[in-house]
Amino acid sequence: MSNVQNKFTDPAGNYTGGYTSVTLKPTSSSHMSNQTRGVIQVDLVSGTVDLQMRLHLDAPWLTVKTYSESTIEEIVIANLMQVVVTADATCWLGETQ
């Protein structure tokens, strides 16, 4: 098994002024993983971060947690994941494969 880290990427590359990240697909077949849990790290400068997930492209995005301070914690991994940042923050997802 190896550890894999992915950044929730700001499409503009700024990580300031609010953004919706590029979608991560941690359970895709290219990952070859049976893991259902991971670790999120939130580096919050200002504002809030909504962690959103959905199981299918046709499903609605659901906010599973809102962060108002920097943290690192274990989370359940979904098929599709993104963060919505209201101001300035950077987030990462860690997985074991």
Protein backbone atom coordinates (compact mmCIF):
# COMPACT_ATOMS: atom_id res chain seq x y z
CA MET A 1 0.00 0.00 0.00
CA SER A 2 1.11 3.53 -0.69
CA ASN A 3 -0.02 6.92 0.53
CA VAL A 4 -1.44 9.29 -2.05
CA GLN A 5 -2.15 12.99 -1.60
CA ASN A 6 -4.30 15.13 -3.86
CA LYS A 7 -4.85 18.85 -3.70
CA PHE A 8 -8.31 20.30 -4.17
CA THR A 9 -7.12 22.55 -7.01
CA ASP A 10 -8.37 26.10 -7.56
CA PRO A 11 -9.01 26.28 -11.35
CA ALA A 12 -7.54 29.82 -11.39
CA GLY A 13 -4.54 28.77 -9.28
CA ASN A 14 -5.00 31.62 -6.79
CA TYR A 15 -6.51 29.94 -3.69
CA THR A 16 -7.81 33.38 -2.65
CA GLY A 17 -11.05 35.29 -3.11
CA GLY A 18 -13.24 32.16 -3.10
CA TYR A 19 -13.42 29.28 -5.55
CA THR A 20 -14.94 25.89 -6.28
CA SER A 21 -12.20 23.30 -6.69
CA VAL A 22 -11.64 20.93 -9.55
CA THR A 23 -13.48 17.66 -8.82
CA LEU A 24 -11.44 14.83 -7.30
CA LYS A 25 -12.34 11.22 -8.14
CA PRO A 26 -10.62 9.25 -5.37
CA THR A 27 -12.56 6.03 -5.92
CA SER A 28 -11.99 5.86 -9.69
CA SER A 29 -10.63 2.61 -11.12
CA SER A 30 -7.25 4.23 -11.78
CA HIS A 31 -6.67 4.39 -8.04
CA MET A 32 -6.95 0.59 -7.54
CA SER A 33 -8.09 1.13 -3.96
CA ASN A 34 -10.65 -0.50 -1.69
CA GLN A 35 -10.29 2.27 0.87
CA THR A 36 -13.44 4.09 1.92
CA ARG A 37 -11.79 6.54 4.30
CA GLY A 38 -9.21 9.25 3.90
CA VAL A 39 -7.83 12.34 5.60
CA ILE A 40 -8.61 15.95 4.73
CA GLN A 41 -6.32 18.83 5.65
CA VAL A 42 -7.76 22.33 5.55
CA ASP A 43 -5.43 25.34 5.71
CA LEU A 44 -7.92 28.15 6.25
CA VAL A 45 -6.75 31.76 6.16
CA SER A 46 -10.22 33.36 6.08
CA GLY A 47 -13.82 32.46 5.26
CA THR A 48 -15.15 28.91 5.27
CA VAL A 49 -14.65 25.68 3.34
CA ASP A 50 -17.54 23.39 2.37
CA LEU A 51 -16.56 19.79 1.69
CA GLN A 52 -18.98 18.48 -0.93
CA MET A 53 -19.52 14.97 -2.25
CA ARG A 54 -21.70 13.05 -4.65
CA LEU A 55 -21.84 9.46 -5.88
CA HIS A 56 -22.67 10.01 -9.56
CA LEU A 57 -22.47 12.80 -12.14
CA ASP A 58 -26.28 12.98 -12.14
CA ALA A 59 -26.51 13.29 -8.35
CA PRO A 60 -26.61 16.67 -6.60
CA TRP A 61 -23.60 17.94 -4.67
CA LEU A 62 -24.13 17.61 -0.91
CA THR A 63 -22.23 19.63 1.66
CA VAL A 64 -21.11 17.05 4.22
CA LYS A 65 -19.12 19.43 6.41
CA THR A 66 -18.32 23.13 6.69
CA TYR A 67 -14.93 24.11 8.11
CA SER A 68 -14.38 27.49 9.79
CA GLU A 69 -10.85 26.81 11.04
CA SER A 70 -7.77 24.88 9.90
CA THR A 71 -7.88 21.18 10.71
CA ILE A 72 -6.90 17.68 9.73
CA GLU A 73 -9.35 14.80 10.20
CA GLU A 74 -10.50 11.45 8.91
CA ILE A 75 -13.39 11.44 6.43
CA VAL A 76 -15.40 9.04 4.29
CA ILE A 77 -14.35 9.10 0.63
CA ALA A 78 -17.01 9.49 -2.08
CA ASN A 79 -16.81 8.92 -5.84
CA LEU A 80 -16.71 12.66 -6.59
CA MET A 81 -15.47 15.32 -4.17
CA GLN A 82 -14.88 19.08 -4.26
CA VAL A 83 -14.47 22.00 -1.88
CA VAL A 84 -16.21 25.36 -2.07
CA VAL A 85 -14.09 28.09 -0.49
CA THR A 86 -15.69 31.44 0.39
CA ALA A 87 -12.41 33.36 0.81
CA ASP A 88 -8.81 32.10 1.23
CA ALA A 89 -7.96 28.44 1.87
CA THR A 90 -6.11 25.41 0.53
CA CYS A 91 -7.21 21.79 1.06
CA TRP A 92 -5.73 18.35 0.47
CA LEU A 93 -7.05 14.77 0.51
CA GLY A 94 -4.86 11.92 1.71
CA GLU A 95 -5.57 8.27 0.91
CA THR A 96 -3.97 4.88 1.42
CA GLN A 97 -3.94 2.61 -1.60
